[in-house]
């Protein structure tokens, strides 16, 4: 008798960092796309969509994508944004972002993501972090989070 495959995930929250979203948009990163399509609570910082939009503009200006592709990706991004719980960059996030992290150096926007992640209020073992940034990944692991 075959066992049934389960789609159960032990994670309560998926935190999506900007680099992962940009890779999904511009490079069609399959692992990121799968994580974005999983059911459940998806959260991110308010800076994520601004960073993703800037990456699309930069890609068009650099000739990496066409204006038509940019417009289509902006539409996709807008639709995708509706599925996220977007967390504000609060004074608490900025205060935490200014303090040291386990693996330094950390750039300011990455520190904002890590601070937002820490201030979610969820136990690290219930949160997975989707990122393609090595510093964010190293810090997330050091803080006890699973990294996709």
Foldseek 3Di string as FASTA:
>chain_A
DDDDDDPDDLAQEEEEAQQLVLCCLQVVPPVSVVVLPDDHAYEYEPCNLVSSLVSLVVCCVVVVDDPVSSVVSVVVSVVSVVRHDYDYQDPQLQVQLPDDFPDDDDDSSLSSGVSCVVPPPDPQDNYEYEHPDPVSCVRSVVSPHHYD
